[in-house]
Amino acid sequence: MLMGKLIHGHARRKTGMSLTYRTYAVMLSRCSNMNATGYERYGGRGISVCERWKQSFSNFIEDMGERPADKTLDRIDPEGDYSKENCRWATWKEQNNNRRNTNIIDIAGYRGTLQGICDAVGIAPDTFKRRLKLGWSDSKALETPVRKKNNRRL
């Protein structure tokens, strides 16, 4: 171990940074480095990183675990800081449904994004919108099963 440096195995010279370490480094940078890409949307808006995570990458790993290959770091409350209580590993789809500018709607007893509601009931948003244009009620448009297409050969 070098003087004051913790060797965690996530930033190797030959193989580069792990996905987890890269995520951690980018999170710190965009919240504290005015020259970082995206700073205006993070540190510039007052978003910060909790003291525990600022102290060490090891604390971040202990709280969040390794980054799954198909997920990225997401703040549950997009207005909140980066902390164990407000972060999760999420897919791009989950992240896109959790943006500051995402419209949350209430339709036929469901609450969420249109995409999220349609995913939950098993229809495509385009199908829902098409049904509404045909004059269907919200609940009928959401809850009527989608007909299977006829697979006849021509």
N, C-alpha and C. Protein backbone atom coordinates (compact mmCIF):
# COMPACT_ATOMS: atom_id res chain seq x y z
N MET A 1 0.83 -1.17 0.00
CA MET A 1 0.00 0.00 0.00
C MET A 1 0.88 1.24 0.00
N LEU A 2 0.59 2.17 -0.91
CA LEU A 2 1.35 3.40 -0.98
C LEU A 2 0.91 4.36 0.11
N MET A 3 1.74 5.28 0.42
CA MET A 3 1.49 6.26 1.47
C MET A 3 0.10 6.90 1.33
N GLY A 4 -0.85 6.53 2.18
CA GLY A 4 -2.17 7.14 2.19
C GLY A 4 -3.09 6.70 1.05
N LYS A 5 -2.65 5.86 0.17
CA LYS A 5 -3.47 5.42 -0.96
C LYS A 5 -4.05 4.05 -0.67
N LEU A 6 -5.34 3.88 -0.88
CA LEU A 6 -6.00 2.60 -0.69
C LEU A 6 -6.04 1.87 -2.02
N ILE A 7 -5.57 0.67 -2.05
CA ILE A 7 -5.59 -0.14 -3.26
C ILE A 7 -6.88 -0.96 -3.23
N HIS A 8 -7.80 -0.67 -4.15
CA HIS A 8 -9.08 -1.36 -4.17
C HIS A 8 -9.25 -2.24 -5.39
N GLY A 9 -8.33 -2.17 -6.34
CA GLY A 9 -8.38 -3.05 -7.51
C GLY A 9 -9.32 -2.62 -8.61
N HIS A 10 -9.87 -1.42 -8.54
CA HIS A 10 -10.82 -0.96 -9.56
C HIS A 10 -10.22 0.04 -10.55
N ALA A 11 -8.98 0.42 -10.33
CA ALA A 11 -8.33 1.37 -11.25
C ALA A 11 -6.93 0.86 -11.55
N ARG A 12 -6.85 -0.10 -12.45
CA ARG A 12 -5.58 -0.72 -12.79
C ARG A 12 -4.95 -0.03 -14.00
N ARG A 13 -3.64 0.02 -14.02
CA ARG A 13 -2.94 0.67 -15.13
C ARG A 13 -3.14 -0.07 -16.43
N LYS A 14 -3.06 -1.38 -16.40
CA LYS A 14 -3.12 -2.16 -17.65
C LYS A 14 -4.54 -2.32 -18.19
N THR A 15 -5.51 -2.51 -17.32
CA THR A 15 -6.88 -2.79 -17.79
C THR A 15 -7.81 -1.59 -17.68
N GLY A 16 -7.36 -0.52 -17.09
CA GLY A 16 -8.21 0.67 -16.94
C GLY A 16 -9.17 0.56 -15.77
N MET A 17 -10.07 1.54 -15.69
CA MET A 17 -11.02 1.60 -14.58
C MET A 17 -12.16 0.61 -14.78
N SER A 18 -12.63 0.04 -13.69
CA SER A 18 -13.82 -0.80 -13.75
C SER A 18 -15.03 0.11 -13.99
N LEU A 19 -16.15 -0.48 -14.44
CA LEU A 19 -17.38 0.30 -14.64
C LEU A 19 -17.81 0.97 -13.33
N THR A 20 -17.65 0.25 -12.24
CA THR A 20 -18.07 0.78 -10.93
C THR A 20 -17.23 2.00 -10.57
N TYR A 21 -15.91 1.89 -10.74
CA TYR A 21 -15.04 3.01 -10.39
C TYR A 21 -15.27 4.19 -11.33
N ARG A 22 -15.48 3.93 -12.61
CA ARG A 22 -15.74 5.00 -13.58
C ARG A 22 -17.02 5.75 -13.19
N THR A 23 -18.05 5.00 -12.80
CA THR A 23 -19.31 5.61 -12.36
C THR A 23 -19.07 6.51 -11.15
N TYR A 24 -18.31 6.02 -10.20
CA TYR A 24 -17.98 6.77 -8.99
C TYR A 24 -17.21 8.05 -9.34
N ALA A 25 -16.21 7.94 -10.18
CA ALA A 25 -15.38 9.09 -10.55
C ALA A 25 -16.20 10.15 -11.30
N VAL A 26 -17.07 9.72 -12.21
CA VAL A 26 -17.90 10.66 -12.96
C VAL A 26 -18.88 11.35 -12.01
N MET A 27 -19.47 10.60 -11.09
CA MET A 27 -20.40 11.17 -10.11
C MET A 27 -19.71 12.29 -9.32
N LEU A 28 -18.52 12.00 -8.80
CA LEU A 28 -17.79 13.02 -8.03
C LEU A 28 -17.46 14.24 -8.88
N SER A 29 -17.01 13.99 -10.10
CA SER A 29 -16.59 15.07 -10.98
C SER A 29 -17.75 15.99 -11.35
N ARG A 30 -18.87 15.43 -11.77
CA ARG A 30 -19.95 16.30 -12.22
C ARG A 30 -20.64 17.05 -11.07
N CYS A 31 -20.37 16.63 -9.84
CA CYS A 31 -20.92 17.36 -8.70
C CYS A 31 -19.95 18.39 -8.12
N SER A 32 -18.65 18.28 -8.46
CA SER A 32 -17.69 19.19 -7.82
C SER A 32 -16.74 19.91 -8.78
N ASN A 33 -16.63 19.44 -10.02
CA ASN A 33 -15.69 20.04 -10.96
C ASN A 33 -16.45 20.93 -11.96
N MET A 34 -16.28 22.23 -11.84
CA MET A 34 -17.00 23.17 -12.71
C MET A 34 -16.71 22.96 -14.19
N ASN A 35 -15.61 22.31 -14.52
CA ASN A 35 -15.24 22.06 -15.91
C ASN A 35 -15.74 20.71 -16.43
N ALA A 36 -16.36 19.94 -15.58
CA ALA A 36 -16.83 18.60 -15.98
C ALA A 36 -18.06 18.70 -16.87
N THR A 37 -18.17 17.77 -17.80
CA THR A 37 -19.37 17.68 -18.63
C THR A 37 -20.57 17.42 -17.74
N GLY A 38 -21.60 18.21 -17.88
CA GLY A 38 -22.82 18.02 -17.10
C GLY A 38 -22.83 18.71 -15.75
N TYR A 39 -21.75 19.41 -15.39
CA TYR A 39 -21.70 20.07 -14.08
C TYR A 39 -22.92 20.96 -13.85
N GLU A 40 -23.35 21.67 -14.89
CA GLU A 40 -24.48 22.60 -14.74
C GLU A 40 -25.76 21.88 -14.33
N ARG A 41 -25.89 20.59 -14.67
CA ARG A 41 -27.09 19.82 -14.32
C ARG A 41 -26.95 19.10 -12.98
N TYR A 42 -25.77 19.14 -12.38
CA TYR A 42 -25.53 18.46 -11.11
C TYR A 42 -25.01 19.45 -10.07
N GLY A 43 -23.71 19.59 -9.95
CA GLY A 43 -23.14 20.53 -8.97
C GLY A 43 -23.65 21.94 -9.15
N GLY A 44 -23.85 22.35 -10.38
CA GLY A 44 -24.35 23.69 -10.67
C GLY A 44 -25.77 23.92 -10.17
N ARG A 45 -26.52 22.84 -9.96
CA ARG A 45 -27.89 22.95 -9.41
C ARG A 45 -27.92 22.65 -7.92
N GLY A 46 -26.75 22.41 -7.33
CA GLY A 46 -26.70 22.13 -5.90
C GLY A 46 -26.72 20.65 -5.53
N ILE A 47 -26.67 19.77 -6.55
CA ILE A 47 -26.61 18.32 -6.27
C ILE A 47 -25.21 18.00 -5.78
N SER A 48 -25.11 17.26 -4.68
CA SER A 48 -23.79 16.91 -4.14
C SER A 48 -23.74 15.42 -3.80
N VAL A 49 -22.57 15.00 -3.38
CA VAL A 49 -22.32 13.62 -2.98
C VAL A 49 -22.21 13.59 -1.47
N CYS A 50 -22.82 12.59 -0.84
CA CYS A 50 -22.77 12.49 0.63
C CYS A 50 -21.31 12.40 1.11
N GLU A 51 -21.08 12.85 2.31
CA GLU A 51 -19.72 12.86 2.88
C GLU A 51 -19.10 11.47 2.91
N ARG A 52 -19.90 10.47 3.23
CA ARG A 52 -19.39 9.09 3.31
C ARG A 52 -18.77 8.66 1.99
N TRP A 53 -19.44 8.97 0.88
CA TRP A 53 -18.93 8.57 -0.44
C TRP A 53 -17.77 9.45 -0.87
N LYS A 54 -17.78 10.71 -0.46
CA LYS A 54 -16.65 11.58 -0.78
C LYS A 54 -15.38 11.08 -0.12
N GLN A 55 -15.52 10.48 1.07
CA GLN A 55 -14.38 10.00 1.83
C GLN A 55 -13.63 8.88 1.11
N SER A 56 -14.39 7.93 0.51
CA SER A 56 -13.69 6.82 -0.13
C SER A 56 -14.58 6.02 -1.08
N PHE A 57 -13.94 5.52 -2.09
CA PHE A 57 -14.60 4.61 -3.04
C PHE A 57 -15.05 3.35 -2.32
N SER A 58 -14.29 2.90 -1.35
CA SER A 58 -14.65 1.69 -0.58
C SER A 58 -16.01 1.86 0.10
N ASN A 59 -16.29 3.04 0.61
CA ASN A 59 -17.59 3.30 1.22
C ASN A 59 -18.70 3.22 0.18
N PHE A 60 -18.44 3.78 -1.00
CA PHE A 60 -19.41 3.71 -2.09
C PHE A 60 -19.71 2.25 -2.44
N ILE A 61 -18.66 1.44 -2.61
CA ILE A 61 -18.82 0.02 -2.95
C ILE A 61 -19.58 -0.72 -1.84
N GLU A 62 -19.27 -0.41 -0.60
CA GLU A 62 -19.94 -1.06 0.53
C GLU A 62 -21.44 -0.78 0.50
N ASP A 63 -21.81 0.44 0.14
CA ASP A 63 -23.23 0.83 0.13
C ASP A 63 -23.96 0.38 -1.13
N MET A 64 -23.31 0.45 -2.27
CA MET A 64 -23.98 0.21 -3.55
C MET A 64 -23.65 -1.14 -4.18
N GLY A 65 -22.54 -1.74 -3.82
CA GLY A 65 -22.10 -2.97 -4.48
C GLY A 65 -21.54 -2.67 -5.86
N GLU A 66 -21.14 -3.71 -6.56
CA GLU A 66 -20.61 -3.56 -7.91
C GLU A 66 -21.70 -3.12 -8.87
N ARG A 67 -21.32 -2.33 -9.86
CA ARG A 67 -22.28 -1.89 -10.88
C ARG A 67 -22.61 -3.05 -11.81
N PRO A 68 -23.89 -3.43 -11.91
CA PRO A 68 -24.28 -4.44 -12.89
C PRO A 68 -24.02 -3.91 -14.31
N ALA A 69 -23.62 -4.78 -15.20
CA ALA A 69 -23.22 -4.37 -16.56
C ALA A 69 -24.33 -3.64 -17.31
N ASP A 70 -25.58 -3.96 -17.04
CA ASP A 70 -26.70 -3.37 -17.80
C ASP A 70 -27.38 -2.20 -17.06
N LYS A 71 -26.72 -1.67 -16.02
CA LYS A 71 -27.35 -0.62 -15.24
C LYS A 71 -26.40 0.53 -14.98
N THR A 72 -26.98 1.67 -14.60
CA THR A 72 -26.20 2.86 -14.27
C THR A 72 -26.71 3.42 -12.94
N LEU A 73 -25.94 4.33 -12.37
CA LEU A 73 -26.30 4.92 -11.09
C LEU A 73 -27.44 5.91 -11.29
N ASP A 74 -28.50 5.78 -10.51
CA ASP A 74 -29.68 6.62 -10.63
C ASP A 74 -30.06 7.16 -9.26
N ARG A 75 -30.39 8.45 -9.22
CA ARG A 75 -30.92 9.04 -7.98
C ARG A 75 -32.43 8.85 -7.98
N ILE A 76 -32.97 8.24 -6.96
CA ILE A 76 -34.39 7.95 -6.85
C ILE A 76 -35.19 9.26 -6.89
N ASP A 77 -34.75 10.24 -6.11
CA ASP A 77 -35.32 11.58 -6.18
C ASP A 77 -34.36 12.41 -7.02
N PRO A 78 -34.74 12.77 -8.25
CA PRO A 78 -33.80 13.49 -9.12
C PRO A 78 -33.39 14.86 -8.58
N GLU A 79 -34.08 15.36 -7.57
CA GLU A 79 -33.69 16.63 -6.96
C GLU A 79 -32.78 16.42 -5.76
N GLY A 80 -32.60 15.17 -5.33
CA GLY A 80 -31.80 14.86 -4.15
C GLY A 80 -30.34 14.59 -4.46
N ASP A 81 -29.56 14.50 -3.40
CA ASP A 81 -28.12 14.25 -3.52
C ASP A 81 -27.82 12.77 -3.76
N TYR A 82 -26.56 12.51 -4.09
CA TYR A 82 -26.08 11.14 -4.22
C TYR A 82 -25.80 10.60 -2.81
N SER A 83 -26.54 9.56 -2.41
CA SER A 83 -26.35 8.92 -1.11
C SER A 83 -26.95 7.51 -1.19
N LYS A 84 -26.61 6.70 -0.21
CA LYS A 84 -27.12 5.33 -0.17
C LYS A 84 -28.65 5.30 -0.20
N GLU A 85 -29.27 6.21 0.51
CA GLU A 85 -30.74 6.24 0.61
C GLU A 85 -31.41 6.72 -0.67
N ASN A 86 -30.69 7.46 -1.51
CA ASN A 86 -31.30 8.06 -2.69
C ASN A 86 -30.77 7.51 -4.00
N CYS A 87 -29.97 6.44 -3.95
CA CYS A 87 -29.39 5.89 -5.19
C CYS A 87 -29.72 4.42 -5.36
N ARG A 88 -29.71 4.01 -6.61
CA ARG A 88 -29.94 2.61 -6.98
C ARG A 88 -29.25 2.37 -8.31
N TRP A 89 -29.05 1.11 -8.66
CA TRP A 89 -28.59 0.74 -9.99
C TRP A 89 -29.85 0.55 -10.83
N ALA A 90 -29.95 1.26 -11.93
CA ALA A 90 -31.18 1.24 -12.74
C ALA A 90 -30.84 1.09 -14.22
N THR A 91 -31.80 0.53 -14.95
CA THR A 91 -31.65 0.43 -16.40
C THR A 91 -31.86 1.82 -17.01
N TRP A 92 -31.48 1.98 -18.27
CA TRP A 92 -31.72 3.26 -18.95
C TRP A 92 -33.21 3.58 -19.00
N LYS A 93 -34.02 2.57 -19.20
CA LYS A 93 -35.47 2.78 -19.25
C LYS A 93 -35.98 3.30 -17.91
N GLU A 94 -35.53 2.69 -16.81
CA GLU A 94 -35.92 3.15 -15.48
C GLU A 94 -35.46 4.59 -15.25
N GLN A 95 -34.24 4.88 -15.69
CA GLN A 95 -33.72 6.24 -15.52
C GLN A 95 -34.52 7.25 -16.33
N ASN A 96 -34.86 6.90 -17.55
CA ASN A 96 -35.62 7.82 -18.39
C ASN A 96 -37.01 8.09 -17.83
N ASN A 97 -37.56 7.15 -17.07
CA ASN A 97 -38.85 7.35 -16.43
C ASN A 97 -38.72 8.10 -15.10
N ASN A 98 -37.49 8.42 -14.72
CA ASN A 98 -37.24 9.06 -13.43
C ASN A 98 -36.50 10.39 -13.60
N ARG A 99 -36.80 11.10 -14.65
CA ARG A 99 -36.14 12.37 -14.92
C ARG A 99 -36.93 13.53 -14.33
N ARG A 100 -36.27 14.67 -14.15
CA ARG A 100 -36.94 15.86 -13.62
C ARG A 100 -38.09 16.30 -14.51
N ASN A 101 -37.94 16.11 -15.82
CA ASN A 101 -38.97 16.58 -16.75
C ASN A 101 -39.98 15.51 -17.14
N THR A 102 -39.96 14.37 -16.47
CA THR A 102 -40.91 13.30 -16.76
C THR A 102 -42.28 13.69 -16.21
N ASN A 103 -43.29 13.54 -17.04
CA ASN A 103 -44.66 13.85 -16.62
C ASN A 103 -45.28 12.63 -15.95
N ILE A 104 -45.70 12.80 -14.71
CA ILE A 104 -46.40 11.75 -13.97
C ILE A 104 -47.89 12.00 -14.18
N ILE A 105 -48.60 10.96 -14.58
CA ILE A 105 -50.03 11.10 -14.87
C ILE A 105 -50.83 10.10 -14.07
N ASP A 106 -52.11 10.38 -13.92
CA ASP A 106 -53.08 9.48 -13.29
C ASP A 106 -54.09 9.11 -14.36
N ILE A 107 -54.17 7.81 -14.67
CA ILE A 107 -55.13 7.32 -15.67
C ILE A 107 -55.82 6.07 -15.12
N ALA A 108 -57.12 6.12 -15.06
CA ALA A 108 -57.93 4.95 -14.71
C ALA A 108 -57.40 4.21 -13.47
N GLY A 109 -57.01 4.96 -12.45
CA GLY A 109 -56.54 4.34 -11.22
C GLY A 109 -55.06 4.00 -11.21
N TYR A 110 -54.34 4.29 -12.28
CA TYR A 110 -52.90 4.05 -12.37
C TYR A 110 -52.18 5.38 -12.25
N ARG A 111 -50.99 5.37 -11.65
CA ARG A 111 -50.18 6.58 -11.53
C ARG A 111 -48.76 6.26 -11.96
N GLY A 112 -48.20 7.11 -12.82
CA GLY A 112 -46.83 6.94 -13.29
C GLY A 112 -46.65 7.62 -14.62
N THR A 113 -45.60 7.22 -15.33
CA THR A 113 -45.40 7.73 -16.68
C THR A 113 -46.28 6.91 -17.61
N LEU A 114 -46.59 7.45 -18.77
CA LEU A 114 -47.40 6.69 -19.72
C LEU A 114 -46.71 5.38 -20.07
N GLN A 115 -45.40 5.44 -20.31
CA GLN A 115 -44.65 4.22 -20.63
C GLN A 115 -44.73 3.23 -19.48
N GLY A 116 -44.54 3.70 -18.26
CA GLY A 116 -44.57 2.81 -17.09
C GLY A 116 -45.93 2.16 -16.89
N ILE A 117 -46.99 2.94 -17.06
CA ILE A 117 -48.35 2.40 -16.90
C ILE A 117 -48.62 1.37 -17.99
N CYS A 118 -48.28 1.69 -19.23
CA CYS A 118 -48.52 0.75 -20.34
C CYS A 118 -47.71 -0.53 -20.15
N ASP A 119 -46.46 -0.41 -19.68
CA ASP A 119 -45.65 -1.61 -19.39
C ASP A 119 -46.34 -2.47 -18.34
N ALA A 120 -46.88 -1.82 -17.31
CA ALA A 120 -47.51 -2.56 -16.21
C ALA A 120 -48.74 -3.35 -16.67
N VAL A 121 -49.50 -2.79 -17.62
CA VAL A 121 -50.71 -3.49 -18.08
C VAL A 121 -50.47 -4.31 -19.34
N GLY A 122 -49.30 -4.17 -19.94
CA GLY A 122 -48.94 -5.03 -21.07
C GLY A 122 -49.40 -4.54 -22.44
N ILE A 123 -49.48 -3.21 -22.62
CA ILE A 123 -49.79 -2.70 -23.96
C ILE A 123 -48.77 -1.63 -24.33
N ALA A 124 -48.66 -1.37 -25.62
CA ALA A 124 -47.76 -0.33 -26.09
C ALA A 124 -48.42 1.04 -25.96
N PRO A 125 -47.66 2.08 -25.64
CA PRO A 125 -48.25 3.42 -25.56
C PRO A 125 -48.96 3.84 -26.85
N ASP A 126 -48.43 3.44 -27.99
CA ASP A 126 -49.09 3.77 -29.26
C ASP A 126 -50.47 3.13 -29.36
N THR A 127 -50.59 1.90 -28.85
CA THR A 127 -51.89 1.22 -28.85
C THR A 127 -52.88 1.98 -27.98
N PHE A 128 -52.41 2.40 -26.81
CA PHE A 128 -53.26 3.17 -25.89
C PHE A 128 -53.73 4.47 -26.57
N LYS A 129 -52.80 5.20 -27.16
CA LYS A 129 -53.14 6.47 -27.82
C LYS A 129 -54.10 6.26 -28.98
N ARG A 130 -53.88 5.20 -29.76
CA ARG A 130 -54.77 4.90 -30.89
C ARG A 130 -56.18 4.61 -30.40
N ARG A 131 -56.30 3.86 -29.32
CA ARG A 131 -57.61 3.53 -28.76
C ARG A 131 -58.33 4.79 -28.27
N LEU A 132 -57.58 5.70 -27.65
CA LEU A 132 -58.20 6.96 -27.20
C LEU A 132 -58.73 7.75 -28.39
N LYS A 133 -57.99 7.78 -29.48
CA LYS A 133 -58.44 8.50 -30.69
C LYS A 133 -59.71 7.88 -31.25
N LEU A 134 -59.91 6.57 -31.01
CA LEU A 134 -61.12 5.90 -31.47
C LEU A 134 -62.30 6.16 -30.53
N GLY A 135 -62.05 6.88 -29.43
CA GLY A 135 -63.13 7.23 -28.52
C GLY A 135 -63.26 6.30 -27.32
N TRP A 136 -62.32 5.40 -27.12
CA TRP A 136 -62.38 4.50 -25.96
C TRP A 136 -62.14 5.30 -24.68
N SER A 137 -62.69 4.81 -23.56
CA SER A 137 -62.41 5.43 -22.27
C SER A 137 -60.98 5.06 -21.86
N ASP A 138 -60.41 5.82 -20.93
CA ASP A 138 -59.06 5.53 -20.44
C ASP A 138 -58.95 4.09 -19.93
N SER A 139 -59.90 3.69 -19.08
CA SER A 139 -59.81 2.35 -18.47
C SER A 139 -59.98 1.26 -19.52
N LYS A 140 -60.91 1.43 -20.47
CA LYS A 140 -61.09 0.42 -21.52
C LYS A 140 -59.83 0.35 -22.39
N ALA A 141 -59.26 1.50 -22.73
CA ALA A 141 -58.06 1.53 -23.57
C ALA A 141 -56.87 0.85 -22.90
N LEU A 142 -56.78 0.98 -21.59
CA LEU A 142 -55.66 0.36 -20.86
C LEU A 142 -55.90 -1.12 -20.57
N GLU A 143 -57.12 -1.47 -20.24
CA GLU A 143 -57.36 -2.80 -19.69
C GLU A 143 -57.85 -3.83 -20.69
N THR A 144 -58.17 -3.43 -21.92
CA THR A 144 -58.58 -4.40 -22.93
C THR A 144 -57.34 -5.09 -23.48
N PRO A 145 -57.29 -6.42 -23.42
CA PRO A 145 -56.11 -7.13 -23.93
C PRO A 145 -55.89 -6.85 -25.42
N VAL A 146 -54.66 -6.87 -25.81
CA VAL A 146 -54.30 -6.66 -27.22
C VAL A 146 -54.58 -7.94 -27.98
N ARG A 147 -55.26 -7.80 -29.13
CA ARG A 147 -55.55 -8.97 -29.96
C ARG A 147 -54.27 -9.46 -30.61
N LYS A 148 -54.14 -10.74 -30.71
CA LYS A 148 -52.99 -11.33 -31.41
C LYS A 148 -53.24 -11.20 -32.91
N LYS A 149 -52.19 -10.88 -33.64
CA LYS A 149 -52.32 -10.76 -35.08
C LYS A 149 -52.41 -12.15 -35.70
N ASN A 150 -53.17 -12.25 -36.77
CA ASN A 150 -53.32 -13.52 -37.48
C ASN A 150 -52.03 -13.80 -38.23
N ASN A 151 -51.46 -14.99 -38.03
CA ASN A 151 -50.18 -15.33 -38.65
C ASN A 151 -50.36 -16.14 -39.93
N ARG A 152 -51.32 -15.75 -40.77
CA ARG A 152 -51.53 -16.47 -42.02
C ARG A 152 -50.39 -16.21 -42.98
N ARG A 153 -50.06 -17.22 -43.74
CA ARG A 153 -49.04 -17.04 -44.79
C ARG A 153 -49.72 -16.66 -46.08
N LEU A 154 -49.12 -15.77 -46.80
CA LEU A 154 -49.69 -15.33 -48.06
C LEU A 154 -49.11 -16.11 -49.20
